[in-house]
């Protein structure tokens, strides 16, 4: 493994049932990050209790970063978590995600200077997700499961992962990044000041961050056949702010913006 420290940032909001399954997947990792940060966008006491239970079991330090519930402010809570992170390299996911046991290992393997990474996810159907939540028991879904959507995102192969990664010359396809499976150098996040906290409500904050990193000369690469994740089914968040957020993203693209004022720096 490479000689740098890593932080795993897991965002959540009032879904302790799913977060419990996510935590079990984190404990099963073949390689642990150096710390785990829970980026909590205003969850209640049940999540706090769950994080305390997880902290007692975790082999690495766990930090619970919480902000009051003032609506969907994912950009802000991620920035607060980035500011607290001690790792050189930040791996990012969500609390409704089941991580393949080599998720962290794969991200650390593929880390490269002047580069940030986006992975993919497979989709678990409603029935399978509910059954796992009711059992409160983690199990890594099979590639052959009939309950799996976007199946080939669940296929892990080391040789294909390396081949696919290194044939890329650096992408600017910021519209295809997935916030639940990304990794960055903290120094690069600081360079662009992290997420733009003008993004409120669901949508496009990840694309905006990716676009600004690309504008700043940081290469985007996509990891396939590795860093596998499985998304637990739930109803979608409301998208009332989507048009506003799309307009903010377009401003970033049109004006080649790199740095935003409403970012990580406000949390130091």
C-alpha atoms as a PDB file:
ATOM      1  CA  UNK A   1       0.000   0.000   0.000  1.00  0.00           C
ATOM      2  CA  UNK A   2       1.021   3.570  -0.615  1.00  0.00           C
ATOM      3  CA  UNK A   3       2.536   5.817   2.027  1.00  0.00           C
ATOM      4  CA  UNK A   4      -0.274   8.286   2.647  1.00  0.00           C
ATOM      5  CA  UNK A   5      -3.126   8.513   5.119  1.00  0.00           C
ATOM      6  CA  UNK A   6      -6.784   8.202   4.172  1.00  0.00           C
ATOM      7  CA  UNK A   7     -10.142   9.347   5.530  1.00  0.00           C
ATOM      8  CA  UNK A   8     -13.435   7.644   4.671  1.00  0.00           C
ATOM      9  CA  UNK A   9     -16.291  10.188   4.701  1.00  0.00           C
ATOM     10  CA  UNK A  10     -19.829   8.767   4.931  1.00  0.00           C
ATOM     11  CA  UNK A  11     -22.743  11.184   4.528  1.00  0.00           C
ATOM     12  CA  UNK A  12     -26.100  10.448   6.162  1.00  0.00           C
ATOM     13  CA  UNK A  13     -29.441  11.925   7.100  1.00  0.00           C
ATOM     14  CA  UNK A  14     -31.971  10.174   9.350  1.00  0.00           C
ATOM     15  CA  UNK A  15     -31.582   6.663   7.947  1.00  0.00           C
ATOM     16  CA  UNK A  16     -29.975   4.741  10.815  1.00  0.00           C
ATOM     17  CA  UNK A  17     -31.477   1.513   9.449  1.00  0.00           C
ATOM     18  CA  UNK A  18     -29.443   1.843   6.242  1.00  0.00           C
ATOM     19  CA  UNK A  19     -26.439   3.360   7.990  1.00  0.00           C
ATOM     20  CA  UNK A  20     -26.216   0.261  10.199  1.00  0.00           C
ATOM     21  CA  UNK A  21     -25.793  -1.924   7.094  1.00  0.00           C
ATOM     22  CA  UNK A  22     -23.258   0.529   5.666  1.00  0.00           C
ATOM     23  CA  UNK A  23     -21.263   0.392   8.914  1.00  0.00           C
ATOM     24  CA  UNK A  24     -21.178  -3.401   8.823  1.00  0.00           C
ATOM     25  CA  UNK A  25     -19.683  -3.179   5.340  1.00  0.00           C
ATOM     26  CA  UNK A  26     -17.070  -0.728   6.600  1.00  0.00           C
ATOM     27  CA  UNK A  27     -16.068  -3.080   9.423  1.00  0.00           C
ATOM     28  CA  UNK A  28     -15.652  -5.867   6.847  1.00  0.00           C
ATOM     29  CA  UNK A  29     -13.143  -3.909   4.734  1.00  0.00           C
ATOM     30  CA  UNK A  30      -9.951  -5.776   3.865  1.00  0.00           C
ATOM     31  CA  UNK A  31      -8.025  -2.529   4.320  1.00  0.00           C
ATOM     32  CA  UNK A  32      -9.249   0.065   6.785  1.00  0.00           C
ATOM     33  CA  UNK A  33      -8.892   3.816   6.254  1.00  0.00           C
ATOM     34  CA  UNK A  34      -6.935   5.738   8.870  1.00  0.00           C
ATOM     35  CA  UNK A  35     -10.111   7.390  10.099  1.00  0.00           C
ATOM     36  CA  UNK A  36     -13.848   7.394   9.423  1.00  0.00           C
ATOM     37  CA  UNK A  37     -15.921  10.566   9.409  1.00  0.00           C
ATOM     38  CA  UNK A  38     -19.720  10.551   9.575  1.00  0.00           C
ATOM     39  CA  UNK A  39     -20.992  13.625   7.701  1.00  0.00           C
ATOM     40  CA  UNK A  40     -24.400  14.029   9.339  1.00  0.00           C
ATOM     41  CA  UNK A  41     -26.817  16.539   7.790  1.00  0.00           C
ATOM     42  CA  UNK A  42     -28.999  16.920  10.884  1.00  0.00           C
ATOM     43  CA  UNK A  43     -30.025  13.398  11.927  1.00  0.00           C
ATOM     44  CA  UNK A  44     -31.751  12.690  15.233  1.00  0.00           C
ATOM     45  CA  UNK A  45     -30.749  10.753  18.367  1.00  0.00           C
ATOM     46  CA  UNK A  46     -31.076   7.294  16.775  1.00  0.00           C
ATOM     47  CA  UNK A  47     -28.209   8.060  14.407  1.00  0.00           C
ATOM     48  CA  UNK A  48     -26.110   9.492  17.224  1.00  0.00           C
ATOM     49  CA  UNK A  49     -26.566   6.299  19.240  1.00  0.00           C
ATOM     50  CA  UNK A  50     -25.719   4.136  16.235  1.00  0.00           C
ATOM     51  CA  UNK A  51     -22.533   6.105  15.571  1.00  0.00           C
ATOM     52  CA  UNK A  52     -21.513   5.640  19.207  1.00  0.00           C
ATOM     53  CA  UNK A  53     -22.036   1.870  18.883  1.00  0.00           C
ATOM     54  CA  UNK A  54     -20.027   1.810  15.659  1.00  0.00           C
ATOM     55  CA  UNK A  55     -17.233   3.873  17.203  1.00  0.00           C
ATOM     56  CA  UNK A  56     -16.842   1.294  19.966  1.00  0.00           C
ATOM     57  CA  UNK A  57     -16.377  -1.477  17.367  1.00  0.00           C
ATOM     58  CA  UNK A  58     -14.249   0.376  14.827  1.00  0.00           C
ATOM     59  CA  UNK A  59     -10.523  -0.439  14.654  1.00  0.00           C
ATOM     60  CA  UNK A  60      -9.822   3.161  13.562  1.00  0.00           C
ATOM     61  CA  UNK A  61     -10.933   6.532  14.962  1.00  0.00           C
ATOM     62  CA  UNK A  62     -14.472   7.673  14.128  1.00  0.00           C
ATOM     63  CA  UNK A  63     -15.518  11.324  14.073  1.00  0.00           C
ATOM     64  CA  UNK A  64     -19.197  12.320  14.032  1.00  0.00           C
ATOM     65  CA  UNK A  65     -19.563  15.701  12.295  1.00  0.00           C
ATOM     66  CA  UNK A  66     -23.128  16.991  12.720  1.00  0.00           C
ATOM     67  CA  UNK A  67     -25.010  20.105  11.675  1.00  0.00           C
ATOM     68  CA  UNK A  68     -28.573  21.209  12.544  1.00  0.00           C
ATOM     69  CA  UNK A  69     -31.368  20.041  10.263  1.00  0.00           C
ATOM     70  CA  UNK A  70     -32.003  23.083   8.078  1.00  0.00           C
ATOM     71  CA  UNK A  71     -32.964  21.254   4.911  1.00  0.00           C
ATOM     72  CA  UNK A  72     -30.843  19.324   2.436  1.00  0.00           C
ATOM     73  CA  UNK A  73     -27.334  20.798   2.812  1.00  0.00           C
ATOM     74  CA  UNK A  74     -25.076  17.968   1.725  1.00  0.00           C
ATOM     75  CA  UNK A  75     -22.444  20.316   0.302  1.00  0.00           C
ATOM     76  CA  UNK A  76     -22.026  22.052   3.655  1.00  0.00           C
ATOM     77  CA  UNK A  77     -21.752  18.918   5.801  1.00  0.00           C
ATOM     78  CA  UNK A  78     -19.242  17.369   3.434  1.00  0.00           C
ATOM     79  CA  UNK A  79     -17.123  20.527   3.590  1.00  0.00           C
ATOM     80  CA  UNK A  80     -17.268  20.502   7.382  1.00  0.00           C
ATOM     81  CA  UNK A  81     -16.116  16.894   7.317  1.00  0.00           C
ATOM     82  CA  UNK A  82     -13.300  17.643   4.868  1.00  0.00           C
ATOM     83  CA  UNK A  83     -12.094  20.430   7.152  1.00  0.00           C
ATOM     84  CA  UNK A  84     -11.917  17.982  10.071  1.00  0.00           C
ATOM     85  CA  UNK A  85     -10.282  15.201   8.042  1.00  0.00           C
ATOM     86  CA  UNK A  86      -6.688  14.352   8.944  1.00  0.00           C
ATOM     87  CA  UNK A  87      -6.145  12.083   5.933  1.00  0.00           C
ATOM     88  CA  UNK A  88      -4.128  13.061   2.879  1.00  0.00           C
ATOM     89  CA  UNK A  89      -6.645  11.234   0.694  1.00  0.00           C
ATOM     90  CA  UNK A  90     -10.408  11.425   1.128  1.00  0.00           C
ATOM     91  CA  UNK A  91     -12.677   8.588   0.017  1.00  0.00           C
ATOM     92  CA  UNK A  92     -16.335   9.546  -0.094  1.00  0.00           C
ATOM     93  CA  UNK A  93     -19.525   7.507   0.077  1.00  0.00           C
ATOM     94  CA  UNK A  94     -23.080   7.636   1.449  1.00  0.00           C
ATOM     95  CA  UNK A  95     -24.866   5.897   4.287  1.00  0.00           C
ATOM     96  CA  UNK A  96     -27.254   4.083   1.935  1.00  0.00           C
ATOM     97  CA  UNK A  97     -24.364   2.278   0.244  1.00  0.00           C
ATOM     98  CA  UNK A  98     -23.020  -1.221   0.877  1.00  0.00           C
ATOM     99  CA  UNK A  99     -19.294  -1.319   0.206  1.00  0.00           C
ATOM    100  CA  UNK A 100     -17.573  -4.276  -1.415  1.00  0.00           C
ATOM    101  CA  UNK A 101     -15.022  -5.630   1.046  1.00  0.00           C
ATOM    102  CA  UNK A 102     -12.158  -4.276  -1.104  1.00  0.00           C
ATOM    103  CA  UNK A 103     -13.701  -0.826  -1.685  1.00  0.00           C
ATOM    104  CA  UNK A 104     -11.173   1.119   0.380  1.00  0.00           C
ATOM    105  CA  UNK A 105      -8.298  -1.075  -0.797  1.00  0.00           C
ATOM    106  CA  UNK A 106      -9.161  -0.426  -4.458  1.00  0.00           C
ATOM    107  CA  UNK A 107      -9.400   3.330  -3.996  1.00  0.00           C
ATOM    108  CA  UNK A 108      -6.050   3.449  -2.209  1.00  0.00           C
ATOM    109  CA  UNK A 109      -4.476   1.288  -4.919  1.00  0.00           C
ATOM    110  CA  UNK A 110      -5.611   3.631  -7.680  1.00  0.00           C
ATOM    111  CA  UNK A 111      -4.775   6.921  -5.964  1.00  0.00           C
ATOM    112  CA  UNK A 112      -2.579   9.096  -8.152  1.00  0.00           C
ATOM    113  CA  UNK A 113      -1.304  12.636  -7.703  1.00  0.00           C
ATOM    114  CA  UNK A 114      -3.089  15.420  -9.601  1.00  0.00           C
ATOM    115  CA  UNK A 115      -6.046  13.064 -10.107  1.00  0.00           C
ATOM    116  CA  UNK A 116      -9.456  12.488  -8.571  1.00  0.00           C
ATOM    117  CA  UNK A 117     -11.584   9.404  -9.062  1.00  0.00           C
ATOM    118  CA  UNK A 118     -15.232   8.540  -9.510  1.00  0.00           C
ATOM    119  CA  UNK A 119     -16.587   5.015  -9.311  1.00  0.00           C
ATOM    120  CA  UNK A 120     -19.968   3.448  -9.975  1.00  0.00           C
ATOM    121  CA  UNK A 121     -22.705   1.584  -8.131  1.00  0.00           C
ATOM    122  CA  UNK A 122     -25.091  -1.305  -8.604  1.00  0.00           C
ATOM    123  CA  UNK A 123     -28.717  -0.968  -7.545  1.00  0.00           C
ATOM    124  CA  UNK A 124     -30.405  -3.326  -5.097  1.00  0.00           C
ATOM    125  CA  UNK A 125     -34.144  -3.693  -5.560  1.00  0.00           C
ATOM    126  CA  UNK A 126     -36.786  -2.734  -3.002  1.00  0.00           C
ATOM    127  CA  UNK A 127     -37.489  -6.224  -1.685  1.00  0.00           C
ATOM    128  CA  UNK A 128     -33.859  -7.222  -1.219  1.00  0.00           C
ATOM    129  CA  UNK A 129     -33.045  -3.897   0.452  1.00  0.00           C
ATOM    130  CA  UNK A 130     -35.971  -4.169   2.883  1.00  0.00           C
ATOM    131  CA  UNK A 131     -35.068  -7.755   3.753  1.00  0.00           C
ATOM    132  CA  UNK A 132     -31.479  -6.815   4.561  1.00  0.00           C
ATOM    133  CA  UNK A 133     -32.586  -3.833   6.642  1.00  0.00           C
ATOM    134  CA  UNK A 134     -35.111  -5.940   8.581  1.00  0.00           C
ATOM    135  CA  UNK A 135     -32.467  -8.564   9.338  1.00  0.00           C
ATOM    136  CA  UNK A 136     -30.057  -5.772  10.346  1.00  0.00           C
ATOM    137  CA  UNK A 137     -27.377  -7.963   8.860  1.00  0.00           C
ATOM    138  CA  UNK A 138     -24.793  -7.132   6.211  1.00  0.00           C
ATOM    139  CA  UNK A 139     -24.067  -9.492   3.369  1.00  0.00           C
ATOM    140  CA  UNK A 140     -22.169  -8.652   0.216  1.00  0.00           C
ATOM    141  CA  UNK A 141     -24.563  -9.135  -2.724  1.00  0.00           C
ATOM    142  CA  UNK A 142     -23.559 -11.567  -5.434  1.00  0.00           C
ATOM    143  CA  UNK A 143     -22.830 -10.450  -8.981  1.00  0.00           C
ATOM    144  CA  UNK A 144     -25.339 -13.117 -10.044  1.00  0.00           C
ATOM    145  CA  UNK A 145     -28.148 -11.929  -7.756  1.00  0.00           C
ATOM    146  CA  UNK A 146     -31.521 -11.484  -9.472  1.00  0.00           C
ATOM    147  CA  UNK A 147     -32.108  -8.454  -7.234  1.00  0.00           C
ATOM    148  CA  UNK A 148     -29.320  -6.416  -8.831  1.00  0.00           C
ATOM    149  CA  UNK A 149     -29.639  -3.560 -11.293  1.00  0.00           C
ATOM    150  CA  UNK A 150     -26.661  -2.193 -13.261  1.00  0.00           C
ATOM    151  CA  UNK A 151     -25.132  -5.614 -12.720  1.00  0.00           C
ATOM    152  CA  UNK A 152     -21.802  -5.045 -14.452  1.00  0.00           C
ATOM    153  CA  UNK A 153     -20.988  -2.281 -11.986  1.00  0.00           C
ATOM    154  CA  UNK A 154     -20.766  -5.116  -9.438  1.00  0.00           C
ATOM    155  CA  UNK A 155     -18.071  -7.021 -11.330  1.00  0.00           C
ATOM    156  CA  UNK A 156     -14.616  -6.738  -9.759  1.00  0.00           C
ATOM    157  CA  UNK A 157     -11.487  -7.803 -11.604  1.00  0.00           C
ATOM    158  CA  UNK A 158      -8.069  -6.417 -10.702  1.00  0.00           C
ATOM    159  CA  UNK A 159      -6.495  -6.726 -14.145  1.00  0.00           C
ATOM    160  CA  UNK A 160      -9.453  -5.070 -15.856  1.00  0.00           C
ATOM    161  CA  UNK A 161      -9.517  -2.365 -13.186  1.00  0.00           C
ATOM    162  CA  UNK A 162      -5.887  -1.440 -13.865  1.00  0.00           C
ATOM    163  CA  UNK A 163      -6.252  -1.728 -17.641  1.00  0.00           C
ATOM    164  CA  UNK A 164      -9.359   0.443 -17.788  1.00  0.00           C
ATOM    165  CA  UNK A 165      -7.856   3.014 -15.446  1.00  0.00           C
ATOM    166  CA  UNK A 166      -4.537   3.503 -17.178  1.00  0.00           C
ATOM    167  CA  UNK A 167      -5.855   3.664 -20.744  1.00  0.00           C
ATOM    168  CA  UNK A 168      -7.731   6.800 -19.723  1.00  0.00           C
ATOM    169  CA  UNK A 169      -5.931  10.009 -20.607  1.00  0.00           C
ATOM    170  CA  UNK A 170      -7.872  12.055 -18.118  1.00  0.00           C
ATOM    171  CA  UNK A 171     -11.534  12.778 -18.597  1.00  0.00           C
ATOM    172  CA  UNK A 172     -13.552  15.976 -18.384  1.00  0.00           C
ATOM    173  CA  UNK A 173     -16.853  14.090 -18.194  1.00  0.00           C
ATOM    174  CA  UNK A 174     -17.805  15.775 -14.931  1.00  0.00           C
ATOM    175  CA  UNK A 175     -21.496  15.094 -15.590  1.00  0.00           C
ATOM    176  CA  UNK A 176     -20.974  11.369 -14.949  1.00  0.00           C
ATOM    177  CA  UNK A 177     -19.396  11.480 -11.499  1.00  0.00           C
ATOM    178  CA  UNK A 178     -21.131   9.746  -8.602  1.00  0.00           C
ATOM    179  CA  UNK A 179     -20.893  11.452  -5.229  1.00  0.00           C
ATOM    180  CA  UNK A 180     -21.424   8.160  -3.391  1.00  0.00           C
ATOM    181  CA  UNK A 181     -18.192   6.769  -4.850  1.00  0.00           C
ATOM    182  CA  UNK A 182     -15.477   9.387  -5.216  1.00  0.00           C
ATOM    183  CA  UNK A 183     -11.952  10.003  -3.937  1.00  0.00           C
ATOM    184  CA  UNK A 184      -9.771  13.117  -3.868  1.00  0.00           C
ATOM    185  CA  UNK A 185      -6.535  14.431  -2.432  1.00  0.00           C
ATOM    186  CA  UNK A 186      -7.427  16.802   0.373  1.00  0.00           C
ATOM    187  CA  UNK A 187      -4.942  19.331  -1.006  1.00  0.00           C
ATOM    188  CA  UNK A 188      -6.864  19.379  -4.306  1.00  0.00           C
ATOM    189  CA  UNK A 189     -10.157  19.927  -2.481  1.00  0.00           C
ATOM    190  CA  UNK A 190      -8.598  22.837  -0.599  1.00  0.00           C
ATOM    191  CA  UNK A 191      -7.305  24.239  -3.890  1.00  0.00           C
ATOM    192  CA  UNK A 192     -10.883  24.698  -5.186  1.00  0.00           C
ATOM    193  CA  UNK A 193     -12.381  25.208  -1.683  1.00  0.00           C
ATOM    194  CA  UNK A 194     -14.419  22.016  -1.766  1.00  0.00           C
ATOM    195  CA  UNK A 195     -18.127  21.920  -2.457  1.00  0.00           C
ATOM    196  CA  UNK A 196     -20.034  25.078  -3.324  1.00  0.00           C
ATOM    197  CA  UNK A 197     -22.452  25.569  -0.430  1.00  0.00           C
ATOM    198  CA  UNK A 198     -24.774  27.605  -2.607  1.00  0.00           C
ATOM    199  CA  UNK A 199     -26.024  24.191  -3.723  1.00  0.00           C
ATOM    200  CA  UNK A 200     -28.992  23.403  -1.489  1.00  0.00           C
ATOM    201  CA  UNK A 201     -31.463  20.617  -2.054  1.00  0.00           C
ATOM    202  CA  UNK A 202     -30.804  17.559  -4.189  1.00  0.00           C
ATOM    203  CA  UNK A 203     -28.605  17.570  -7.235  1.00  0.00           C
ATOM    204  CA  UNK A 204     -25.511  18.677  -9.146  1.00  0.00           C
ATOM    205  CA  UNK A 205     -23.191  19.596  -6.266  1.00  0.00           C
ATOM    206  CA  UNK A 206     -20.916  16.671  -7.139  1.00  0.00           C
ATOM    207  CA  UNK A 207     -20.842  17.642 -10.820  1.00  0.00           C
ATOM    208  CA  UNK A 208     -19.955  21.217  -9.901  1.00  0.00           C
ATOM    209  CA  UNK A 209     -17.065  20.102  -7.702  1.00  0.00           C
ATOM    210  CA  UNK A 210     -15.808  17.799 -10.457  1.00  0.00           C
ATOM    211  CA  UNK A 211     -16.060  20.556 -13.069  1.00  0.00           C
ATOM    212  CA  UNK A 212     -14.066  22.975 -10.907  1.00  0.00           C
ATOM    213  CA  UNK A 213     -11.390  20.386 -10.197  1.00  0.00           C
ATOM    214  CA  UNK A 214     -11.094  19.768 -13.944  1.00  0.00           C
ATOM    215  CA  UNK A 215     -10.941  23.536 -14.550  1.00  0.00           C
ATOM    216  CA  UNK A 216      -8.086  23.680 -12.027  1.00  0.00           C
ATOM    217  CA  UNK A 217      -6.102  21.104 -13.987  1.00  0.00           C
ATOM    218  CA  UNK A 218      -6.871  18.075 -11.808  1.00  0.00           C
ATOM    219  CA  UNK A 219      -7.485  14.964 -13.909  1.00  0.00           C
ATOM    220  CA  UNK A 220     -10.720  13.010 -13.579  1.00  0.00           C
ATOM    221  CA  UNK A 221     -10.486   9.258 -13.957  1.00  0.00           C
ATOM    222  CA  UNK A 222     -13.230   6.663 -13.638  1.00  0.00           C
ATOM    223  CA  UNK A 223     -12.642   3.419 -11.799  1.00  0.00           C
ATOM    224  CA  UNK A 224     -14.387   0.378 -13.285  1.00  0.00           C
ATOM    225  CA  UNK A 225     -14.186  -3.266 -12.197  1.00  0.00           C
ATOM    226  CA  UNK A 226     -13.151  -2.125  -8.728  1.00  0.00           C
ATOM    227  CA  UNK A 227     -14.270  -0.034  -5.735  1.00  0.00           C
ATOM    228  CA  UNK A 228     -17.634  -1.756  -6.130  1.00  0.00           C
ATOM    229  CA  UNK A 229     -20.695  -0.415  -4.294  1.00  0.00           C
ATOM    230  CA  UNK A 230     -24.325  -1.465  -3.906  1.00  0.00           C
ATOM    231  CA  UNK A 231     -27.095   1.096  -3.379  1.00  0.00           C
ATOM    232  CA  UNK A 232     -29.906   0.231  -0.976  1.00  0.00           C
ATOM    233  CA  UNK A 233     -33.265   1.113  -2.489  1.00  0.00           C
ATOM    234  CA  UNK A 234     -35.254   4.065  -1.146  1.00  0.00           C
ATOM    235  CA  UNK A 235     -37.631   6.667  -2.529  1.00  0.00           C
ATOM    236  CA  UNK A 236     -35.875   9.575  -4.216  1.00  0.00           C
ATOM    237  CA  UNK A 237     -35.351  12.929  -2.536  1.00  0.00           C
ATOM    238  CA  UNK A 238     -37.463  15.854  -3.695  1.00  0.00           C
ATOM    239  CA  UNK A 239     -35.871  17.841  -6.494  1.00  0.00           C
ATOM    240  CA  UNK A 240     -37.404  21.264  -6.039  1.00  0.00           C
ATOM    241  CA  UNK A 241     -34.043  23.055  -6.265  1.00  0.00           C
ATOM    242  CA  UNK A 242     -32.769  21.148  -9.269  1.00  0.00           C
ATOM    243  CA  UNK A 243     -33.223  23.957 -11.811  1.00  0.00           C
ATOM    244  CA  UNK A 244     -31.377  26.432  -9.577  1.00  0.00           C
ATOM    245  CA  UNK A 245     -28.567  23.935  -9.049  1.00  0.00           C
ATOM    246  CA  UNK A 246     -28.309  23.196 -12.768  1.00  0.00           C
ATOM    247  CA  UNK A 247     -27.938  26.937 -13.395  1.00  0.00           C
ATOM    248  CA  UNK A 248     -25.123  27.143 -10.826  1.00  0.00           C
ATOM    249  CA  UNK A 249     -23.355  24.251 -12.534  1.00  0.00           C
ATOM    250  CA  UNK A 250     -23.701  25.909 -15.930  1.00  0.00           C
ATOM    251  CA  UNK A 251     -22.115  29.094 -14.556  1.00  0.00           C
ATOM    252  CA  UNK A 252     -19.128  27.032 -13.398  1.00  0.00           C
ATOM    253  CA  UNK A 253     -18.775  25.473 -16.833  1.00  0.00           C
ATOM    254  CA  UNK A 254     -19.304  28.663 -18.846  1.00  0.00           C
ATOM    255  CA  UNK A 255     -16.973  30.791 -16.718  1.00  0.00           C
ATOM    256  CA  UNK A 256     -14.378  28.065 -16.063  1.00  0.00           C
ATOM    257  CA  UNK A 257     -14.693  28.672 -12.327  1.00  0.00           C
ATOM    258  CA  UNK A 258     -12.237  26.876 -10.050  1.00  0.00           C
ATOM    259  CA  UNK A 259     -12.569  28.467  -6.596  1.00  0.00           C
ATOM    260  CA  UNK A 260     -15.752  29.287  -4.686  1.00  0.00           C
ATOM    261  CA  UNK A 261     -15.996  31.522  -1.631  1.00  0.00           C
ATOM    262  CA  UNK A 262     -18.624  29.411   0.148  1.00  0.00           C
ATOM    263  CA  UNK A 263     -16.538  26.307   0.784  1.00  0.00           C
ATOM    264  CA  UNK A 264     -14.171  24.450   3.108  1.00  0.00           C
ATOM    265  CA  UNK A 265     -12.364  27.601   4.243  1.00  0.00           C
ATOM    266  CA  UNK A 266     -15.396  28.766   6.237  1.00  0.00           C
ATOM    267  CA  UNK A 267     -15.103  25.703   8.515  1.00  0.00           C
ATOM    268  CA  UNK A 268     -11.535  26.089   9.776  1.00  0.00           C
END
